[in-house]
Amino acid sequence: MNTMIVHHHVRNYEAWRPAYDKHEPMRTSAGLTHGRVFRAADDPNDLVLLFDVADKKRARAFAESDDLKTVMQNAGVEGRPEMYFIG
C-alpha cells in the first residue's frame, strides 16, 4: 500500500476543515482512504495530511486536478502544496 503525504498552510484551519470534510467523496473515488490530518504544535494552520493510496495513477490524477486546485483555493490553502507518494 502506498501513502500520499500532503503538506500545506491554510489561512484558517476552522474555515478549511469543512471544505476538506465535504470533499471526502472525491478523495474516496480517487482511491484515497484513511485520511489523517495533523497540525503543527506551533502553528495550527500548518497541516500535514496522510492518505492510504489504492491506485497511485488515479491518486496522482486527482492531486493534479483542477477540481482539487479550486477546492483548495476556496478553502484558504496558501502557496503551493507539497505532495509526495511513498511506499
N, C-alpha and C. Protein backbone atom coordinates (compact mmCIF):
# COMPACT_ATOMS: atom_id res chain seq x y z
N MET A 1 0.85 -1.18 0.00
CA MET A 1 0.00 0.00 0.00
C MET A 1 0.89 1.24 0.00
N ASN A 2 0.55 2.17 -0.86
CA ASN A 2 1.26 3.45 -0.91
C ASN A 2 0.59 4.46 0.01
N THR A 3 1.33 5.49 0.34
CA THR A 3 0.82 6.59 1.15
C THR A 3 1.06 7.90 0.42
N MET A 4 0.08 8.77 0.45
CA MET A 4 0.22 10.12 -0.11
C MET A 4 0.36 11.07 1.07
N ILE A 5 1.37 11.93 1.00
CA ILE A 5 1.62 12.93 2.03
C ILE A 5 1.41 14.31 1.40
N VAL A 6 0.62 15.13 2.06
CA VAL A 6 0.37 16.50 1.60
C VAL A 6 0.75 17.44 2.73
N HIS A 7 1.51 18.47 2.40
CA HIS A 7 1.87 19.50 3.38
C HIS A 7 1.47 20.84 2.81
N HIS A 8 0.68 21.59 3.56
CA HIS A 8 0.34 22.94 3.14
C HIS A 8 -0.07 23.78 4.34
N HIS A 9 -0.13 25.07 4.09
CA HIS A 9 -0.51 26.04 5.11
C HIS A 9 -1.86 26.62 4.70
N VAL A 10 -2.74 26.83 5.67
CA VAL A 10 -4.05 27.42 5.40
C VAL A 10 -4.19 28.73 6.18
N ARG A 11 -5.05 29.60 5.66
CA ARG A 11 -5.28 30.88 6.36
C ARG A 11 -5.92 30.64 7.73
N ASN A 12 -6.88 29.70 7.76
CA ASN A 12 -7.61 29.47 8.99
C ASN A 12 -8.11 28.03 9.00
N TYR A 13 -7.61 27.23 9.93
CA TYR A 13 -7.98 25.81 9.99
C TYR A 13 -9.49 25.62 10.14
N GLU A 14 -10.12 26.42 10.98
CA GLU A 14 -11.56 26.28 11.23
C GLU A 14 -12.37 26.52 9.97
N ALA A 15 -11.92 27.38 9.08
CA ALA A 15 -12.60 27.61 7.81
C ALA A 15 -12.24 26.52 6.80
N TRP A 16 -11.02 25.99 6.86
CA TRP A 16 -10.56 24.97 5.92
C TRP A 16 -11.23 23.63 6.16
N ARG A 17 -11.41 23.24 7.42
CA ARG A 17 -11.85 21.88 7.75
C ARG A 17 -13.19 21.49 7.11
N PRO A 18 -14.22 22.34 7.12
CA PRO A 18 -15.49 21.93 6.48
C PRO A 18 -15.34 21.65 4.99
N ALA A 19 -14.51 22.42 4.30
CA ALA A 19 -14.28 22.17 2.87
C ALA A 19 -13.56 20.85 2.67
N TYR A 20 -12.60 20.55 3.53
CA TYR A 20 -11.89 19.26 3.46
C TYR A 20 -12.87 18.11 3.68
N ASP A 21 -13.69 18.21 4.70
CA ASP A 21 -14.65 17.15 5.02
C ASP A 21 -15.66 16.95 3.87
N LYS A 22 -16.12 18.03 3.28
CA LYS A 22 -17.10 17.96 2.19
C LYS A 22 -16.52 17.28 0.95
N HIS A 23 -15.22 17.35 0.78
CA HIS A 23 -14.55 16.81 -0.41
C HIS A 23 -14.22 15.32 -0.28
N GLU A 24 -14.58 14.70 0.83
CA GLU A 24 -14.29 13.29 1.08
C GLU A 24 -14.73 12.36 -0.05
N PRO A 25 -15.94 12.52 -0.61
CA PRO A 25 -16.34 11.60 -1.69
C PRO A 25 -15.41 11.64 -2.90
N MET A 26 -14.87 12.78 -3.21
CA MET A 26 -13.93 12.89 -4.34
C MET A 26 -12.63 12.17 -4.03
N ARG A 27 -12.14 12.30 -2.80
CA ARG A 27 -10.92 11.59 -2.42
C ARG A 27 -11.14 10.08 -2.47
N THR A 28 -12.27 9.65 -1.96
CA THR A 28 -12.58 8.22 -1.95
C THR A 28 -12.66 7.68 -3.37
N SER A 29 -13.30 8.43 -4.26
CA SER A 29 -13.42 7.96 -5.65
C SER A 29 -12.07 7.91 -6.35
N ALA A 30 -11.09 8.65 -5.84
CA ALA A 30 -9.73 8.62 -6.38
C ALA A 30 -8.88 7.54 -5.72
N GLY A 31 -9.48 6.78 -4.80
CA GLY A 31 -8.76 5.70 -4.13
C GLY A 31 -7.95 6.14 -2.93
N LEU A 32 -8.25 7.33 -2.42
CA LEU A 32 -7.56 7.83 -1.22
C LEU A 32 -8.45 7.56 -0.01
N THR A 33 -7.94 6.80 0.94
CA THR A 33 -8.73 6.43 2.11
C THR A 33 -7.92 6.65 3.39
N HIS A 34 -8.60 6.52 4.52
CA HIS A 34 -7.99 6.65 5.84
C HIS A 34 -7.20 7.96 5.98
N GLY A 35 -7.84 9.06 5.58
CA GLY A 35 -7.19 10.36 5.69
C GLY A 35 -6.94 10.75 7.14
N ARG A 36 -5.75 11.23 7.40
CA ARG A 36 -5.37 11.73 8.73
C ARG A 36 -4.83 13.14 8.58
N VAL A 37 -5.28 14.04 9.44
CA VAL A 37 -4.86 15.43 9.40
C VAL A 37 -4.07 15.73 10.67
N PHE A 38 -2.87 16.27 10.50
CA PHE A 38 -2.02 16.65 11.62
C PHE A 38 -1.75 18.15 11.53
N ARG A 39 -1.75 18.80 12.69
CA ARG A 39 -1.49 20.24 12.77
C ARG A 39 -0.20 20.45 13.55
N ALA A 40 0.62 21.37 13.08
CA ALA A 40 1.87 21.66 13.77
C ALA A 40 1.57 22.24 15.15
N ALA A 41 2.37 21.86 16.13
CA ALA A 41 2.17 22.31 17.51
C ALA A 41 2.31 23.82 17.65
N ASP A 42 3.22 24.41 16.86
CA ASP A 42 3.47 25.84 16.99
C ASP A 42 2.70 26.69 15.97
N ASP A 43 1.98 26.04 15.05
CA ASP A 43 1.17 26.77 14.07
C ASP A 43 0.02 25.86 13.63
N PRO A 44 -1.16 26.00 14.22
CA PRO A 44 -2.27 25.11 13.92
C PRO A 44 -2.80 25.23 12.49
N ASN A 45 -2.29 26.17 11.72
CA ASN A 45 -2.67 26.31 10.32
C ASN A 45 -1.65 25.68 9.37
N ASP A 46 -0.62 25.06 9.92
CA ASP A 46 0.38 24.32 9.16
C ASP A 46 -0.01 22.85 9.23
N LEU A 47 -0.42 22.27 8.10
CA LEU A 47 -1.03 20.95 8.09
C LEU A 47 -0.22 19.92 7.31
N VAL A 48 -0.26 18.69 7.81
CA VAL A 48 0.24 17.53 7.10
C VAL A 48 -0.91 16.53 7.04
N LEU A 49 -1.20 16.04 5.83
CA LEU A 49 -2.28 15.08 5.62
C LEU A 49 -1.68 13.79 5.08
N LEU A 50 -2.16 12.67 5.58
CA LEU A 50 -1.72 11.35 5.11
C LEU A 50 -2.92 10.58 4.60
N PHE A 51 -2.76 9.90 3.47
CA PHE A 51 -3.83 9.09 2.90
C PHE A 51 -3.26 7.75 2.45
N ASP A 52 -4.02 6.68 2.64
CA ASP A 52 -3.69 5.41 2.02
C ASP A 52 -4.10 5.51 0.55
N VAL A 53 -3.28 4.94 -0.33
CA VAL A 53 -3.49 5.06 -1.77
C VAL A 53 -3.71 3.68 -2.36
N ALA A 54 -4.89 3.47 -2.95
CA ALA A 54 -5.20 2.19 -3.58
C ALA A 54 -4.60 2.12 -4.99
N ASP A 55 -4.59 3.24 -5.70
CA ASP A 55 -4.12 3.29 -7.09
C ASP A 55 -3.34 4.59 -7.29
N LYS A 56 -2.04 4.48 -7.38
CA LYS A 56 -1.18 5.67 -7.44
C LYS A 56 -1.49 6.54 -8.66
N LYS A 57 -1.78 5.94 -9.79
CA LYS A 57 -2.07 6.70 -11.00
C LYS A 57 -3.34 7.54 -10.82
N ARG A 58 -4.40 6.94 -10.26
CA ARG A 58 -5.64 7.67 -10.01
C ARG A 58 -5.44 8.77 -8.97
N ALA A 59 -4.67 8.47 -7.93
CA ALA A 59 -4.40 9.46 -6.88
C ALA A 59 -3.61 10.64 -7.43
N ARG A 60 -2.64 10.35 -8.28
CA ARG A 60 -1.85 11.43 -8.88
C ARG A 60 -2.72 12.31 -9.78
N ALA A 61 -3.62 11.69 -10.54
CA ALA A 61 -4.54 12.47 -11.40
C ALA A 61 -5.43 13.36 -10.54
N PHE A 62 -5.91 12.84 -9.43
CA PHE A 62 -6.72 13.63 -8.50
C PHE A 62 -5.91 14.80 -7.95
N ALA A 63 -4.67 14.53 -7.55
CA ALA A 63 -3.81 15.56 -6.96
C ALA A 63 -3.53 16.70 -7.94
N GLU A 64 -3.55 16.39 -9.23
CA GLU A 64 -3.26 17.39 -10.26
C GLU A 64 -4.51 17.98 -10.87
N SER A 65 -5.68 17.59 -10.38
CA SER A 65 -6.95 18.01 -11.00
C SER A 65 -7.29 19.47 -10.71
N ASP A 66 -8.00 20.06 -11.66
CA ASP A 66 -8.49 21.43 -11.48
C ASP A 66 -9.49 21.49 -10.33
N ASP A 67 -10.27 20.41 -10.15
CA ASP A 67 -11.24 20.37 -9.06
C ASP A 67 -10.54 20.54 -7.71
N LEU A 68 -9.49 19.79 -7.48
CA LEU A 68 -8.78 19.90 -6.21
C LEU A 68 -8.16 21.28 -6.04
N LYS A 69 -7.57 21.80 -7.10
CA LYS A 69 -6.97 23.14 -7.03
C LYS A 69 -8.01 24.18 -6.63
N THR A 70 -9.20 24.09 -7.23
CA THR A 70 -10.27 25.04 -6.92
C THR A 70 -10.73 24.90 -5.47
N VAL A 71 -10.94 23.67 -5.03
CA VAL A 71 -11.38 23.43 -3.65
C VAL A 71 -10.34 23.95 -2.66
N MET A 72 -9.07 23.67 -2.92
CA MET A 72 -8.02 24.13 -2.01
C MET A 72 -7.95 25.66 -1.96
N GLN A 73 -8.05 26.27 -3.13
CA GLN A 73 -8.00 27.74 -3.17
C GLN A 73 -9.17 28.33 -2.40
N ASN A 74 -10.37 27.80 -2.62
CA ASN A 74 -11.56 28.32 -1.93
C ASN A 74 -11.53 28.05 -0.44
N ALA A 75 -10.81 27.00 -0.02
CA ALA A 75 -10.72 26.64 1.40
C ALA A 75 -9.65 27.44 2.14
N GLY A 76 -8.85 28.19 1.39
CA GLY A 76 -7.85 29.04 2.05
C GLY A 76 -6.45 28.45 2.11
N VAL A 77 -6.15 27.48 1.25
CA VAL A 77 -4.78 26.96 1.21
C VAL A 77 -3.88 28.04 0.64
N GLU A 78 -2.78 28.28 1.32
CA GLU A 78 -1.84 29.33 0.91
C GLU A 78 -0.62 28.70 0.24
N GLY A 79 -0.18 29.31 -0.83
CA GLY A 79 1.01 28.82 -1.52
C GLY A 79 0.73 27.51 -2.24
N ARG A 80 1.81 26.89 -2.67
CA ARG A 80 1.72 25.63 -3.41
C ARG A 80 1.88 24.46 -2.45
N PRO A 81 0.90 23.57 -2.39
CA PRO A 81 1.03 22.41 -1.51
C PRO A 81 2.16 21.48 -1.96
N GLU A 82 2.78 20.82 -1.02
CA GLU A 82 3.78 19.81 -1.32
C GLU A 82 3.08 18.46 -1.23
N MET A 83 3.24 17.60 -2.27
CA MET A 83 2.60 16.30 -2.29
C MET A 83 3.65 15.25 -2.64
N TYR A 84 3.66 14.16 -1.87
CA TYR A 84 4.61 13.09 -2.06
C TYR A 84 3.90 11.74 -1.97
N PHE A 85 4.42 10.77 -2.69
CA PHE A 85 3.95 9.40 -2.58
C PHE A 85 5.09 8.55 -2.05
N ILE A 86 4.80 7.75 -1.05
CA ILE A 86 5.81 6.83 -0.51
C ILE A 86 5.20 5.44 -0.42
N GLY A 87 6.07 4.46 -0.31
CA GLY A 87 5.59 3.09 -0.11
C GLY A 87 5.83 2.17 -1.24
